[in-house]
């Protein structure tokens, strides 16, 4: 999260950002039960997805709700759409409007940069698009499905599967190697260690860290740490990449390297990408540049 988007109008990663796993070794880590329920249904009885050994089917209302959500997915619709999204906070007894009936469509395979003054709400918008925060008005849709109509477990499952996040700070786990950090989302999702590492390794090689797989974050440079974070964001093969000031903590040389890498990966993997940045060089490398001004988006013009 960018310090420049700080203040009461911003959601802090420590409060609403990705929940870090318990600080245990991957071979001992246990997947989050809610996600395990989503990804590893019980097979102990024919057609069963309920508790092991149980004979009761899930309540009809819940089954119908889940089926309705699946039916609502329309692959022809954009990966992300924000419609009349608003966000407001109350501070000191006064209502502070950050986003005001904002509309945004993130097309499949397209990239965009969002610029704006510090505190304008850029990071807040990114968190709303990724389901890490909820709007006070309006809706966010993913392939036609209302994201915030999902249950908390369903929302977490959607986020893990469809969205890759990159933040200004890398949020790598200091006790784990680069390879283990990249594989962590797969391990938490219930994938076996061998298969998870088999998927994480090539991604690290792609971001130029073939010889740094066994290094822990403290032994990596800032640019290398951020490249590990990018690989981790992509290991679940998401359709959308959301990046919040990904080069904000880097020197010019490493920032340029990360800029180029993000653009290459977006193209290679046909990602839909939304990048919040103050870096005009990075912004100009995106397919579309928008400015967040007074709660609305407008075309950005280079000053």
Foldseek 3Di string as FASTA:
>chain_A
DDPLQDDPLDDDCVHLNDDDFDPDALVPGEADPLLCLVQPADPQDPPHRDDPPDDDHPDPVVVVVVVVLVVQAAVVAAQKWWAQFWAWDADPNDIGTQAGRATDGQHFLAEAEEEEGRNSCPNVVLCCRLVSDDTPDTFMDGNRGTLVVDDPSVNVNCSLQAEFEAEQQLPFDQVAFLLCRLLVSVSSSPDDPVVSSVLLQVQCVLLPNNVRRRPGPVVDDPLSSLSSSVSSSCSSPHQEYEYEASCVPDDPVSSVSVLVSVLVCSNVSRHRYYYYHPDVVSRVSGPAYWYRDPNYIDGDDDD
